[in-house]
């Protein structure tokens, strides 16, 4: 593959994503070259404030594809293997990893990534990722479905951190892609009542398709509707998938319940509550989560293979590389485009 060029989506801003060319990466010992067949656009890809000091760059971390080259010493994979990969992996030896907090490991947070990024025809997968962040795609799972491995792993870790128990009630605030995956997973894990809330009608319809018992408008009427459906109680677990719903989340959690801050907040956002009102005599737990560990990715792929979480129902757009910039436009304007999940397929759409 050396001395060849490839197409990439080069990100300058949410409104300026260009199809450009760059050399196909060369690989070294322990590394893989992956042909990217499917790459999902994540909500974090359009967090412009988070990207503005790093542009231009090639984004994309929800990838599935085919191994085309292996570096010296690679024994687990061979050319032709169908694989999904995660861009960030932990060291497995630091204080955080040894205490089960793999996703706050400094290696995961700062030390690992694909080159140049998943919105490219080919990516180089570093040796540490090959060692613990690349997984064979099970038979019967398509490349677009396998690209959900990483986002579903994040959702899985979030619900584990929030200690969801079978029979508990769950409110998911925000029915974008993360919220829909939370709905599907909560149903799969045996939640007794799963309520999705949003302000966008087509997203609420999708939430019902993903298994929500109720799909309700996210406003002050939500609290009375929840009590009516939940034997007079508020919710055991409230999952925030859009930071604009934080005030509502703090009102919707039952005593002894948990609020999971899953989505990243706007720059400089603050908690809008007094400590006494929120904590004193309520035993409410506030927790957060970031990313997924390799074992979460492995479990996520198994859930996708089993059809337990029907990820394919969330896909609203499948685009070629040429139309990739339109995918960013759709993610940034979801109401106008009725967009939930966009999958970019750099080598063309294969139905």
C-alpha atoms as a PDB file:
ATOM      1  CA  UNK A   1       0.000   0.000   0.000  1.00  0.00           C
ATOM      2  CA  UNK A   2       3.014   2.320   0.180  1.00  0.00           C
ATOM      3  CA  UNK A   3       3.308   5.238  -2.239  1.00  0.00           C
ATOM      4  CA  UNK A   4      -0.467   5.319  -2.691  1.00  0.00           C
ATOM      5  CA  UNK A   5      -2.897   8.013  -1.731  1.00  0.00           C
ATOM      6  CA  UNK A   6      -6.331   7.763  -0.150  1.00  0.00           C
ATOM      7  CA  UNK A   7      -9.332   9.970   0.423  1.00  0.00           C
ATOM      8  CA  UNK A   8     -10.127  11.362   3.854  1.00  0.00           C
ATOM      9  CA  UNK A   9     -12.654  13.713   5.409  1.00  0.00           C
ATOM     10  CA  UNK A  10     -10.595  16.606   6.753  1.00  0.00           C
ATOM     11  CA  UNK A  11     -12.347  18.468   9.561  1.00  0.00           C
ATOM     12  CA  UNK A  12     -11.841  22.235   9.876  1.00  0.00           C
ATOM     13  CA  UNK A  13     -15.143  23.040  11.593  1.00  0.00           C
ATOM     14  CA  UNK A  14     -18.654  21.624  11.725  1.00  0.00           C
ATOM     15  CA  UNK A  15     -19.496  23.690   8.655  1.00  0.00           C
ATOM     16  CA  UNK A  16     -16.244  22.961   6.841  1.00  0.00           C
ATOM     17  CA  UNK A  17     -15.475  19.285   6.268  1.00  0.00           C
ATOM     18  CA  UNK A  18     -13.571  18.587   3.050  1.00  0.00           C
ATOM     19  CA  UNK A  19     -12.783  15.509   1.009  1.00  0.00           C
ATOM     20  CA  UNK A  20      -9.001  15.581   0.662  1.00  0.00           C
ATOM     21  CA  UNK A  21      -6.192  13.195  -0.226  1.00  0.00           C
ATOM     22  CA  UNK A  22      -3.227  12.051   1.833  1.00  0.00           C
ATOM     23  CA  UNK A  23      -0.775   9.137   1.696  1.00  0.00           C
ATOM     24  CA  UNK A  24      -1.937   5.721   2.828  1.00  0.00           C
ATOM     25  CA  UNK A  25      -0.218   5.145   6.203  1.00  0.00           C
ATOM     26  CA  UNK A  26       2.794   2.869   6.438  1.00  0.00           C
ATOM     27  CA  UNK A  27       2.746   0.378   9.294  1.00  0.00           C
ATOM     28  CA  UNK A  28       5.497  -0.796  11.612  1.00  0.00           C
ATOM     29  CA  UNK A  29       6.077  -3.803  13.864  1.00  0.00           C
ATOM     30  CA  UNK A  30       2.983  -4.924  15.755  1.00  0.00           C
ATOM     31  CA  UNK A  31       0.662  -2.670  13.758  1.00  0.00           C
ATOM     32  CA  UNK A  32      -2.232  -3.215  11.366  1.00  0.00           C
ATOM     33  CA  UNK A  33      -3.433  -1.422   8.275  1.00  0.00           C
ATOM     34  CA  UNK A  34      -7.221  -1.522   8.174  1.00  0.00           C
ATOM     35  CA  UNK A  35      -9.426  -0.822   5.185  1.00  0.00           C
ATOM     36  CA  UNK A  36     -12.267   1.186   6.721  1.00  0.00           C
ATOM     37  CA  UNK A  37     -15.589  -0.178   5.507  1.00  0.00           C
ATOM     38  CA  UNK A  38     -17.897   1.605   7.966  1.00  0.00           C
ATOM     39  CA  UNK A  39     -17.253   4.558  10.268  1.00  0.00           C
ATOM     40  CA  UNK A  40     -19.922   6.187  12.446  1.00  0.00           C
ATOM     41  CA  UNK A  41     -20.158   9.896  13.192  1.00  0.00           C
ATOM     42  CA  UNK A  42     -20.231  10.371  16.975  1.00  0.00           C
ATOM     43  CA  UNK A  43     -21.784  13.316  18.777  1.00  0.00           C
ATOM     44  CA  UNK A  44     -18.327  14.114  20.136  1.00  0.00           C
ATOM     45  CA  UNK A  45     -17.102  14.585  16.556  1.00  0.00           C
ATOM     46  CA  UNK A  46     -19.177  17.775  16.337  1.00  0.00           C
ATOM     47  CA  UNK A  47     -18.158  19.207  19.724  1.00  0.00           C
ATOM     48  CA  UNK A  48     -16.574  22.151  17.953  1.00  0.00           C
ATOM     49  CA  UNK A  49     -15.219  23.837  21.091  1.00  0.00           C
ATOM     50  CA  UNK A  50     -13.313  20.640  21.866  1.00  0.00           C
ATOM     51  CA  UNK A  51     -11.767  20.463  18.372  1.00  0.00           C
ATOM     52  CA  UNK A  52     -11.054  24.100  17.545  1.00  0.00           C
ATOM     53  CA  UNK A  53      -7.426  24.126  18.727  1.00  0.00           C
ATOM     54  CA  UNK A  54      -6.549  20.884  16.922  1.00  0.00           C
ATOM     55  CA  UNK A  55      -7.843  21.434  13.385  1.00  0.00           C
ATOM     56  CA  UNK A  56      -7.393  20.461  10.641  1.00  0.00           C
ATOM     57  CA  UNK A  57      -7.651  16.783  11.486  1.00  0.00           C
ATOM     58  CA  UNK A  58      -9.287  13.542  10.436  1.00  0.00           C
ATOM     59  CA  UNK A  59     -11.883  12.444  12.975  1.00  0.00           C
ATOM     60  CA  UNK A  60     -13.668   9.117  13.313  1.00  0.00           C
ATOM     61  CA  UNK A  61     -13.298   6.432  15.961  1.00  0.00           C
ATOM     62  CA  UNK A  62     -16.287   4.079  15.453  1.00  0.00           C
ATOM     63  CA  UNK A  63     -14.741   1.848  12.820  1.00  0.00           C
ATOM     64  CA  UNK A  64     -15.118  -1.566  11.294  1.00  0.00           C
ATOM     65  CA  UNK A  65     -13.258  -2.925   8.321  1.00  0.00           C
ATOM     66  CA  UNK A  66     -10.850  -5.420   6.850  1.00  0.00           C
ATOM     67  CA  UNK A  67      -7.217  -6.103   7.707  1.00  0.00           C
ATOM     68  CA  UNK A  68      -5.115  -5.514   4.598  1.00  0.00           C
ATOM     69  CA  UNK A  69      -1.589  -5.610   6.074  1.00  0.00           C
ATOM     70  CA  UNK A  70      -0.045  -6.830   9.324  1.00  0.00           C
ATOM     71  CA  UNK A  71       3.241  -5.698  10.783  1.00  0.00           C
ATOM     72  CA  UNK A  72       6.095  -7.877  11.976  1.00  0.00           C
ATOM     73  CA  UNK A  73       5.153  -9.878  15.050  1.00  0.00           C
ATOM     74  CA  UNK A  74       1.379  -9.736  14.618  1.00  0.00           C
ATOM     75  CA  UNK A  75      -0.011 -13.227  15.152  1.00  0.00           C
ATOM     76  CA  UNK A  76      -3.627 -12.630  16.192  1.00  0.00           C
ATOM     77  CA  UNK A  77      -4.770 -11.204  12.847  1.00  0.00           C
ATOM     78  CA  UNK A  78      -4.245 -11.851   9.158  1.00  0.00           C
ATOM     79  CA  UNK A  79      -5.064 -10.012   5.916  1.00  0.00           C
ATOM     80  CA  UNK A  80      -8.716 -10.529   5.086  1.00  0.00           C
ATOM     81  CA  UNK A  81      -9.912 -10.639   8.702  1.00  0.00           C
ATOM     82  CA  UNK A  82     -13.094  -8.658   9.406  1.00  0.00           C
ATOM     83  CA  UNK A  83     -12.433  -6.521  12.483  1.00  0.00           C
ATOM     84  CA  UNK A  84     -13.759  -3.703  14.631  1.00  0.00           C
ATOM     85  CA  UNK A  85     -11.319  -1.542  16.544  1.00  0.00           C
ATOM     86  CA  UNK A  86     -11.402   0.917  19.399  1.00  0.00           C
ATOM     87  CA  UNK A  87      -9.177   3.995  19.189  1.00  0.00           C
ATOM     88  CA  UNK A  88      -8.344   4.372  22.904  1.00  0.00           C
ATOM     89  CA  UNK A  89      -7.042   1.524  25.060  1.00  0.00           C
ATOM     90  CA  UNK A  90      -5.689   1.403  28.633  1.00  0.00           C
ATOM     91  CA  UNK A  91      -2.257   0.378  29.865  1.00  0.00           C
ATOM     92  CA  UNK A  92      -3.723  -2.302  32.211  1.00  0.00           C
ATOM     93  CA  UNK A  93      -0.957  -1.739  34.767  1.00  0.00           C
ATOM     94  CA  UNK A  94      -1.492   1.710  36.364  1.00  0.00           C
ATOM     95  CA  UNK A  95      -3.320   2.527  39.611  1.00  0.00           C
ATOM     96  CA  UNK A  96      -6.551   3.298  37.771  1.00  0.00           C
ATOM     97  CA  UNK A  97      -6.572   0.140  35.653  1.00  0.00           C
ATOM     98  CA  UNK A  98      -5.758  -2.071  38.628  1.00  0.00           C
ATOM     99  CA  UNK A  99      -8.730  -0.572  40.463  1.00  0.00           C
ATOM    100  CA  UNK A 100     -11.149  -1.107  37.583  1.00  0.00           C
ATOM    101  CA  UNK A 101     -11.101   2.483  36.273  1.00  0.00           C
ATOM    102  CA  UNK A 102      -9.580   1.685  32.890  1.00  0.00           C
ATOM    103  CA  UNK A 103     -11.228   4.601  31.102  1.00  0.00           C
ATOM    104  CA  UNK A 104      -9.463   7.241  33.202  1.00  0.00           C
ATOM    105  CA  UNK A 105      -6.064   5.660  32.556  1.00  0.00           C
ATOM    106  CA  UNK A 106      -3.647   8.266  31.190  1.00  0.00           C
ATOM    107  CA  UNK A 107      -2.687   5.939  28.335  1.00  0.00           C
ATOM    108  CA  UNK A 108      -6.329   5.644  27.262  1.00  0.00           C
ATOM    109  CA  UNK A 109      -6.997   9.363  27.665  1.00  0.00           C
ATOM    110  CA  UNK A 110      -3.897  10.680  25.938  1.00  0.00           C
ATOM    111  CA  UNK A 111      -1.721   7.957  24.521  1.00  0.00           C
ATOM    112  CA  UNK A 112      -3.595   5.950  21.905  1.00  0.00           C
ATOM    113  CA  UNK A 113      -5.433   6.716  18.680  1.00  0.00           C
ATOM    114  CA  UNK A 114      -5.737   5.663  15.048  1.00  0.00           C
ATOM    115  CA  UNK A 115      -3.866   7.398  12.261  1.00  0.00           C
ATOM    116  CA  UNK A 116      -5.140   9.465  10.648  1.00  0.00           C
ATOM    117  CA  UNK A 117      -8.709   8.793  11.882  1.00  0.00           C
ATOM    118  CA  UNK A 118     -11.704   6.698  10.981  1.00  0.00           C
ATOM    119  CA  UNK A 119     -13.014   8.964   8.223  1.00  0.00           C
ATOM    120  CA  UNK A 120     -10.367   7.701   5.857  1.00  0.00           C
ATOM    121  CA  UNK A 121     -10.136   4.870   3.380  1.00  0.00           C
ATOM    122  CA  UNK A 122      -7.384   3.263   5.473  1.00  0.00           C
ATOM    123  CA  UNK A 123      -6.134   3.650   9.044  1.00  0.00           C
ATOM    124  CA  UNK A 124      -3.005   2.540  10.819  1.00  0.00           C
ATOM    125  CA  UNK A 125      -3.811   0.777  14.088  1.00  0.00           C
ATOM    126  CA  UNK A 126      -0.952   1.108  16.618  1.00  0.00           C
ATOM    127  CA  UNK A 127       0.568  -1.951  18.254  1.00  0.00           C
ATOM    128  CA  UNK A 128      -0.989  -1.317  21.671  1.00  0.00           C
ATOM    129  CA  UNK A 129      -4.427  -1.126  20.047  1.00  0.00           C
ATOM    130  CA  UNK A 130      -3.757  -4.295  18.065  1.00  0.00           C
ATOM    131  CA  UNK A 131      -2.842  -6.015  21.325  1.00  0.00           C
ATOM    132  CA  UNK A 132      -6.032  -5.123  23.235  1.00  0.00           C
ATOM    133  CA  UNK A 133      -8.385  -3.047  21.088  1.00  0.00           C
ATOM    134  CA  UNK A 134      -9.063  -4.997  17.875  1.00  0.00           C
ATOM    135  CA  UNK A 135     -11.808  -7.629  17.723  1.00  0.00           C
ATOM    136  CA  UNK A 136     -12.911 -10.113  15.086  1.00  0.00           C
ATOM    137  CA  UNK A 137     -16.407  -9.361  13.797  1.00  0.00           C
ATOM    138  CA  UNK A 138     -18.692 -12.357  14.406  1.00  0.00           C
ATOM    139  CA  UNK A 139     -20.274 -14.084  11.439  1.00  0.00           C
ATOM    140  CA  UNK A 140     -23.622 -12.582  10.545  1.00  0.00           C
ATOM    141  CA  UNK A 141     -22.718  -9.091  11.800  1.00  0.00           C
ATOM    142  CA  UNK A 142     -22.414  -6.448   9.073  1.00  0.00           C
ATOM    143  CA  UNK A 143     -19.703  -3.802   9.002  1.00  0.00           C
ATOM    144  CA  UNK A 144     -22.168  -0.985   9.806  1.00  0.00           C
ATOM    145  CA  UNK A 145     -23.475  -2.981  12.780  1.00  0.00           C
ATOM    146  CA  UNK A 146     -19.935  -3.729  13.958  1.00  0.00           C
ATOM    147  CA  UNK A 147     -19.096  -0.008  13.875  1.00  0.00           C
ATOM    148  CA  UNK A 148     -21.421   0.315  16.873  1.00  0.00           C
ATOM    149  CA  UNK A 149     -19.013  -1.689  19.025  1.00  0.00           C
ATOM    150  CA  UNK A 150     -17.321   1.369  20.510  1.00  0.00           C
ATOM    151  CA  UNK A 151     -20.415   3.512  21.209  1.00  0.00           C
ATOM    152  CA  UNK A 152     -22.313   0.546  22.665  1.00  0.00           C
ATOM    153  CA  UNK A 153     -19.289  -0.256  24.841  1.00  0.00           C
ATOM    154  CA  UNK A 154     -19.451   3.295  26.244  1.00  0.00           C
ATOM    155  CA  UNK A 155     -23.156   2.870  27.009  1.00  0.00           C
ATOM    156  CA  UNK A 156     -22.556  -0.523  28.597  1.00  0.00           C
ATOM    157  CA  UNK A 157     -19.871   0.869  30.883  1.00  0.00           C
ATOM    158  CA  UNK A 158     -22.148   3.758  31.832  1.00  0.00           C
ATOM    159  CA  UNK A 159     -24.955   1.494  32.963  1.00  0.00           C
ATOM    160  CA  UNK A 160     -22.502  -0.719  34.847  1.00  0.00           C
ATOM    161  CA  UNK A 161     -21.047   2.327  36.620  1.00  0.00           C
ATOM    162  CA  UNK A 162     -24.573   3.381  37.529  1.00  0.00           C
ATOM    163  CA  UNK A 163     -25.188  -0.142  38.906  1.00  0.00           C
ATOM    164  CA  UNK A 164     -28.444  -0.703  37.026  1.00  0.00           C
ATOM    165  CA  UNK A 165     -30.325  -3.642  38.532  1.00  0.00           C
ATOM    166  CA  UNK A 166     -33.076  -5.730  36.922  1.00  0.00           C
ATOM    167  CA  UNK A 167     -36.497  -4.348  37.736  1.00  0.00           C
ATOM    168  CA  UNK A 168     -35.341  -0.778  38.324  1.00  0.00           C
ATOM    169  CA  UNK A 169     -36.922   2.166  36.539  1.00  0.00           C
ATOM    170  CA  UNK A 170     -34.775   4.088  34.044  1.00  0.00           C
ATOM    171  CA  UNK A 171     -35.269   7.521  32.509  1.00  0.00           C
ATOM    172  CA  UNK A 172     -33.132   8.389  29.490  1.00  0.00           C
ATOM    173  CA  UNK A 173     -33.060  12.135  28.856  1.00  0.00           C
ATOM    174  CA  UNK A 174     -32.171  12.747  25.224  1.00  0.00           C
ATOM    175  CA  UNK A 175     -33.037  10.315  22.430  1.00  0.00           C
ATOM    176  CA  UNK A 176     -30.133  10.900  20.099  1.00  0.00           C
ATOM    177  CA  UNK A 177     -27.890   7.960  19.290  1.00  0.00           C
ATOM    178  CA  UNK A 178     -26.482   7.537  22.823  1.00  0.00           C
ATOM    179  CA  UNK A 179     -29.927   7.804  24.368  1.00  0.00           C
ATOM    180  CA  UNK A 180     -31.360   5.225  21.982  1.00  0.00           C
ATOM    181  CA  UNK A 181     -28.550   2.796  22.762  1.00  0.00           C
ATOM    182  CA  UNK A 182     -29.181   3.350  26.477  1.00  0.00           C
ATOM    183  CA  UNK A 183     -32.871   2.558  25.948  1.00  0.00           C
ATOM    184  CA  UNK A 184     -32.070  -0.654  24.088  1.00  0.00           C
ATOM    185  CA  UNK A 185     -29.468  -1.771  26.611  1.00  0.00           C
ATOM    186  CA  UNK A 186     -31.628  -0.978  29.642  1.00  0.00           C
ATOM    187  CA  UNK A 187     -34.359  -3.177  28.176  1.00  0.00           C
ATOM    188  CA  UNK A 188     -31.824  -5.911  27.494  1.00  0.00           C
ATOM    189  CA  UNK A 189     -30.509  -5.741  31.075  1.00  0.00           C
ATOM    190  CA  UNK A 190     -33.979  -6.175  32.544  1.00  0.00           C
ATOM    191  CA  UNK A 191     -35.046  -2.689  33.604  1.00  0.00           C
ATOM    192  CA  UNK A 192     -38.628  -2.740  34.808  1.00  0.00           C
ATOM    193  CA  UNK A 193     -39.722   0.559  33.274  1.00  0.00           C
ATOM    194  CA  UNK A 194     -37.768   2.403  30.600  1.00  0.00           C
ATOM    195  CA  UNK A 195     -38.855   5.951  29.787  1.00  0.00           C
ATOM    196  CA  UNK A 196     -37.280   7.993  26.998  1.00  0.00           C
ATOM    197  CA  UNK A 197     -37.683  11.766  26.911  1.00  0.00           C
ATOM    198  CA  UNK A 198     -36.841  14.324  24.273  1.00  0.00           C
ATOM    199  CA  UNK A 199     -38.324  17.356  22.541  1.00  0.00           C
ATOM    200  CA  UNK A 200     -38.011  15.986  18.989  1.00  0.00           C
ATOM    201  CA  UNK A 201     -40.955  13.808  17.854  1.00  0.00           C
ATOM    202  CA  UNK A 202     -39.099  11.569  15.396  1.00  0.00           C
ATOM    203  CA  UNK A 203     -36.522  10.741  18.070  1.00  0.00           C
ATOM    204  CA  UNK A 204     -39.285   9.702  20.450  1.00  0.00           C
ATOM    205  CA  UNK A 205     -40.640   7.432  17.732  1.00  0.00           C
ATOM    206  CA  UNK A 206     -37.192   5.859  17.426  1.00  0.00           C
ATOM    207  CA  UNK A 207     -37.071   5.399  21.205  1.00  0.00           C
ATOM    208  CA  UNK A 208     -40.242   3.336  21.042  1.00  0.00           C
ATOM    209  CA  UNK A 209     -38.680   1.237  18.269  1.00  0.00           C
ATOM    210  CA  UNK A 210     -35.677   0.634  20.540  1.00  0.00           C
ATOM    211  CA  UNK A 211     -37.903  -0.665  23.315  1.00  0.00           C
ATOM    212  CA  UNK A 212     -38.897   2.291  25.487  1.00  0.00           C
ATOM    213  CA  UNK A 213     -42.090   1.560  27.436  1.00  0.00           C
ATOM    214  CA  UNK A 214     -42.910   5.266  27.282  1.00  0.00           C
ATOM    215  CA  UNK A 215     -41.565   8.048  25.046  1.00  0.00           C
ATOM    216  CA  UNK A 216     -42.466  11.427  26.518  1.00  0.00           C
ATOM    217  CA  UNK A 217     -41.841  15.104  25.902  1.00  0.00           C
ATOM    218  CA  UNK A 218     -38.983  16.416  28.034  1.00  0.00           C
ATOM    219  CA  UNK A 219     -40.668  19.257  29.918  1.00  0.00           C
ATOM    220  CA  UNK A 220     -42.167  19.850  33.369  1.00  0.00           C
ATOM    221  CA  UNK A 221     -45.136  17.591  32.562  1.00  0.00           C
ATOM    222  CA  UNK A 222     -42.674  14.688  32.487  1.00  0.00           C
ATOM    223  CA  UNK A 223     -42.538  14.402  36.279  1.00  0.00           C
ATOM    224  CA  UNK A 224     -46.249  13.842  36.762  1.00  0.00           C
ATOM    225  CA  UNK A 225     -46.326  11.376  33.849  1.00  0.00           C
ATOM    226  CA  UNK A 226     -43.473   9.415  35.425  1.00  0.00           C
ATOM    227  CA  UNK A 227     -45.207   9.253  38.819  1.00  0.00           C
ATOM    228  CA  UNK A 228     -48.393   8.029  37.170  1.00  0.00           C
ATOM    229  CA  UNK A 229     -46.531   5.250  35.360  1.00  0.00           C
ATOM    230  CA  UNK A 230     -44.235   4.325  38.249  1.00  0.00           C
ATOM    231  CA  UNK A 231     -46.530   3.792  41.246  1.00  0.00           C
ATOM    232  CA  UNK A 232     -46.150   7.369  42.423  1.00  0.00           C
ATOM    233  CA  UNK A 233     -42.364   7.332  42.410  1.00  0.00           C
ATOM    234  CA  UNK A 234     -39.727   9.122  40.376  1.00  0.00           C
ATOM    235  CA  UNK A 235     -36.973   7.147  38.613  1.00  0.00           C
ATOM    236  CA  UNK A 236     -34.304   4.887  40.103  1.00  0.00           C
ATOM    237  CA  UNK A 237     -31.783   5.746  37.395  1.00  0.00           C
ATOM    238  CA  UNK A 238     -31.724   8.908  35.296  1.00  0.00           C
ATOM    239  CA  UNK A 239     -29.290   8.973  32.371  1.00  0.00           C
ATOM    240  CA  UNK A 240     -28.372  12.380  30.915  1.00  0.00           C
ATOM    241  CA  UNK A 241     -27.617  12.184  27.193  1.00  0.00           C
ATOM    242  CA  UNK A 242     -27.978  15.907  26.519  1.00  0.00           C
ATOM    243  CA  UNK A 243     -26.651  18.499  28.936  1.00  0.00           C
ATOM    244  CA  UNK A 244     -29.651  20.776  28.438  1.00  0.00           C
ATOM    245  CA  UNK A 245     -31.685  18.262  30.437  1.00  0.00           C
ATOM    246  CA  UNK A 246     -29.508  18.398  33.568  1.00  0.00           C
ATOM    247  CA  UNK A 247     -31.988  20.521  35.598  1.00  0.00           C
ATOM    248  CA  UNK A 248     -34.816  18.141  34.686  1.00  0.00           C
ATOM    249  CA  UNK A 249     -32.688  15.122  35.579  1.00  0.00           C
ATOM    250  CA  UNK A 250     -32.070  16.379  39.094  1.00  0.00           C
ATOM    251  CA  UNK A 251     -35.820  16.746  39.602  1.00  0.00           C
ATOM    252  CA  UNK A 252     -36.672  13.340  38.141  1.00  0.00           C
ATOM    253  CA  UNK A 253     -34.516  11.063  40.299  1.00  0.00           C
ATOM    254  CA  UNK A 254     -36.113   9.189  43.206  1.00  0.00           C
ATOM    255  CA  UNK A 255     -34.629   9.122  46.710  1.00  0.00           C
ATOM    256  CA  UNK A 256     -31.844   6.566  46.809  1.00  0.00           C
ATOM    257  CA  UNK A 257     -31.540   6.786  43.040  1.00  0.00           C
ATOM    258  CA  UNK A 258     -28.679   7.565  40.684  1.00  0.00           C
ATOM    259  CA  UNK A 259     -28.053  10.231  38.059  1.00  0.00           C
ATOM    260  CA  UNK A 260     -25.583   9.233  35.349  1.00  0.00           C
ATOM    261  CA  UNK A 261     -23.880  12.110  33.540  1.00  0.00           C
ATOM    262  CA  UNK A 262     -23.243  10.318  30.258  1.00  0.00           C
ATOM    263  CA  UNK A 263     -23.040  13.185  27.767  1.00  0.00           C
ATOM    264  CA  UNK A 264     -20.318  15.779  27.867  1.00  0.00           C
ATOM    265  CA  UNK A 265     -21.552  19.201  28.965  1.00  0.00           C
ATOM    266  CA  UNK A 266     -21.107  22.563  27.298  1.00  0.00           C
ATOM    267  CA  UNK A 267     -17.907  24.430  28.042  1.00  0.00           C
ATOM    268  CA  UNK A 268     -18.116  25.940  31.533  1.00  0.00           C
ATOM    269  CA  UNK A 269     -21.428  24.266  32.456  1.00  0.00           C
ATOM    270  CA  UNK A 270     -22.271  24.145  36.182  1.00  0.00           C
ATOM    271  CA  UNK A 271     -24.622  22.028  38.287  1.00  0.00           C
ATOM    272  CA  UNK A 272     -27.858  24.016  38.828  1.00  0.00           C
ATOM    273  CA  UNK A 273     -28.736  22.826  42.326  1.00  0.00           C
ATOM    274  CA  UNK A 274     -28.104  23.580  45.979  1.00  0.00           C
ATOM    275  CA  UNK A 275     -26.323  20.807  47.848  1.00  0.00           C
ATOM    276  CA  UNK A 276     -28.937  20.543  50.611  1.00  0.00           C
ATOM    277  CA  UNK A 277     -31.813  20.320  48.135  1.00  0.00           C
ATOM    278  CA  UNK A 278     -30.066  17.654  46.112  1.00  0.00           C
ATOM    279  CA  UNK A 279     -28.271  15.470  48.674  1.00  0.00           C
ATOM    280  CA  UNK A 280     -29.401  15.976  52.242  1.00  0.00           C
ATOM    281  CA  UNK A 281     -31.728  13.149  53.286  1.00  0.00           C
ATOM    282  CA  UNK A 282     -32.066  11.844  49.715  1.00  0.00           C
ATOM    283  CA  UNK A 283     -29.089   9.459  49.352  1.00  0.00           C
ATOM    284  CA  UNK A 284     -28.930  10.340  45.670  1.00  0.00           C
ATOM    285  CA  UNK A 285     -25.771   9.324  43.803  1.00  0.00           C
ATOM    286  CA  UNK A 286     -24.300  11.417  41.009  1.00  0.00           C
ATOM    287  CA  UNK A 287     -21.882   9.541  38.799  1.00  0.00           C
ATOM    288  CA  UNK A 288     -20.246   9.885  35.418  1.00  0.00           C
ATOM    289  CA  UNK A 289     -18.666   7.742  32.781  1.00  0.00           C
ATOM    290  CA  UNK A 290     -16.267   8.140  29.893  1.00  0.00           C
ATOM    291  CA  UNK A 291     -15.503   5.772  27.031  1.00  0.00           C
ATOM    292  CA  UNK A 292     -15.392   1.985  27.224  1.00  0.00           C
ATOM    293  CA  UNK A 293     -12.690  -0.494  28.178  1.00  0.00           C
ATOM    294  CA  UNK A 294     -11.644  -3.403  25.942  1.00  0.00           C
ATOM    295  CA  UNK A 295     -13.797  -5.889  27.835  1.00  0.00           C
ATOM    296  CA  UNK A 296     -16.784  -3.577  27.315  1.00  0.00           C
ATOM    297  CA  UNK A 297     -16.067  -3.674  23.575  1.00  0.00           C
ATOM    298  CA  UNK A 298     -15.972  -7.458  23.609  1.00  0.00           C
ATOM    299  CA  UNK A 299     -19.321  -7.617  25.412  1.00  0.00           C
ATOM    300  CA  UNK A 300     -20.815  -5.000  23.082  1.00  0.00           C
ATOM    301  CA  UNK A 301     -19.946  -7.084  20.016  1.00  0.00           C
ATOM    302  CA  UNK A 302     -21.586 -10.109  21.609  1.00  0.00           C
ATOM    303  CA  UNK A 303     -24.755  -8.108  22.273  1.00  0.00           C
ATOM    304  CA  UNK A 304     -24.779  -6.910  18.658  1.00  0.00           C
ATOM    305  CA  UNK A 305     -24.299 -10.466  17.372  1.00  0.00           C
ATOM    306  CA  UNK A 306     -27.171 -11.700  19.548  1.00  0.00           C
ATOM    307  CA  UNK A 307     -29.449  -8.897  18.351  1.00  0.00           C
ATOM    308  CA  UNK A 308     -30.076  -7.985  21.982  1.00  0.00           C
ATOM    309  CA  UNK A 309     -29.585  -4.290  21.228  1.00  0.00           C
ATOM    310  CA  UNK A 310     -30.940  -3.639  17.698  1.00  0.00           C
ATOM    311  CA  UNK A 311     -28.344  -1.062  16.682  1.00  0.00           C
ATOM    312  CA  UNK A 312     -29.345  -1.111  13.015  1.00  0.00           C
ATOM    313  CA  UNK A 313     -32.668   0.567  13.881  1.00  0.00           C
ATOM    314  CA  UNK A 314     -30.836   3.780  14.779  1.00  0.00           C
ATOM    315  CA  UNK A 315     -29.151   4.260  11.370  1.00  0.00           C
ATOM    316  CA  UNK A 316     -30.822   7.049   9.410  1.00  0.00           C
ATOM    317  CA  UNK A 317     -28.034   7.883   6.938  1.00  0.00           C
ATOM    318  CA  UNK A 318     -25.440   5.786   5.085  1.00  0.00           C
ATOM    319  CA  UNK A 319     -23.112   7.936   3.003  1.00  0.00           C
ATOM    320  CA  UNK A 320     -20.123   7.555   0.723  1.00  0.00           C
ATOM    321  CA  UNK A 321     -16.931   9.493   1.321  1.00  0.00           C
ATOM    322  CA  UNK A 322     -18.000  12.028  -1.314  1.00  0.00           C
ATOM    323  CA  UNK A 323     -21.168  12.778   0.642  1.00  0.00           C
ATOM    324  CA  UNK A 324     -19.467  12.540   4.030  1.00  0.00           C
ATOM    325  CA  UNK A 325     -19.575  16.314   4.675  1.00  0.00           C
ATOM    326  CA  UNK A 326     -23.364  16.124   4.422  1.00  0.00           C
ATOM    327  CA  UNK A 327     -23.264  13.666   7.297  1.00  0.00           C
ATOM    328  CA  UNK A 328     -21.706  16.259   9.585  1.00  0.00           C
ATOM    329  CA  UNK A 329     -24.347  18.740   8.449  1.00  0.00           C
ATOM    330  CA  UNK A 330     -27.078  16.220   9.311  1.00  0.00           C
ATOM    331  CA  UNK A 331     -25.648  15.492  12.770  1.00  0.00           C
ATOM    332  CA  UNK A 332     -25.447  19.223  13.506  1.00  0.00           C
ATOM    333  CA  UNK A 333     -29.041  19.823  12.298  1.00  0.00           C
ATOM    334  CA  UNK A 334     -30.842  16.625  13.331  1.00  0.00           C
ATOM    335  CA  UNK A 335     -34.378  18.029  13.192  1.00  0.00           C
ATOM    336  CA  UNK A 336     -34.025  19.347   9.663  1.00  0.00           C
ATOM    337  CA  UNK A 337     -32.504  16.067   8.436  1.00  0.00           C
ATOM    338  CA  UNK A 338     -34.365  13.667  10.764  1.00  0.00           C
ATOM    339  CA  UNK A 339     -30.940  12.356  11.677  1.00  0.00           C
ATOM    340  CA  UNK A 340     -29.983   9.922  14.389  1.00  0.00           C
ATOM    341  CA  UNK A 341     -26.982   7.872  13.253  1.00  0.00           C
ATOM    342  CA  UNK A 342     -24.785   8.548  10.241  1.00  0.00           C
ATOM    343  CA  UNK A 343     -22.490   5.842   8.897  1.00  0.00           C
ATOM    344  CA  UNK A 344     -19.781   6.840   6.408  1.00  0.00           C
ATOM    345  CA  UNK A 345     -18.679   4.019   4.079  1.00  0.00           C
ATOM    346  CA  UNK A 346     -15.408   5.186   2.457  1.00  0.00           C
ATOM    347  CA  UNK A 347     -15.299   2.465  -0.202  1.00  0.00           C
ATOM    348  CA  UNK A 348     -18.966   2.700  -1.221  1.00  0.00           C
ATOM    349  CA  UNK A 349     -22.305   1.428   0.042  1.00  0.00           C
ATOM    350  CA  UNK A 350     -22.597  -2.361  -0.002  1.00  0.00           C
ATOM    351  CA  UNK A 351     -26.135  -3.621   0.516  1.00  0.00           C
END
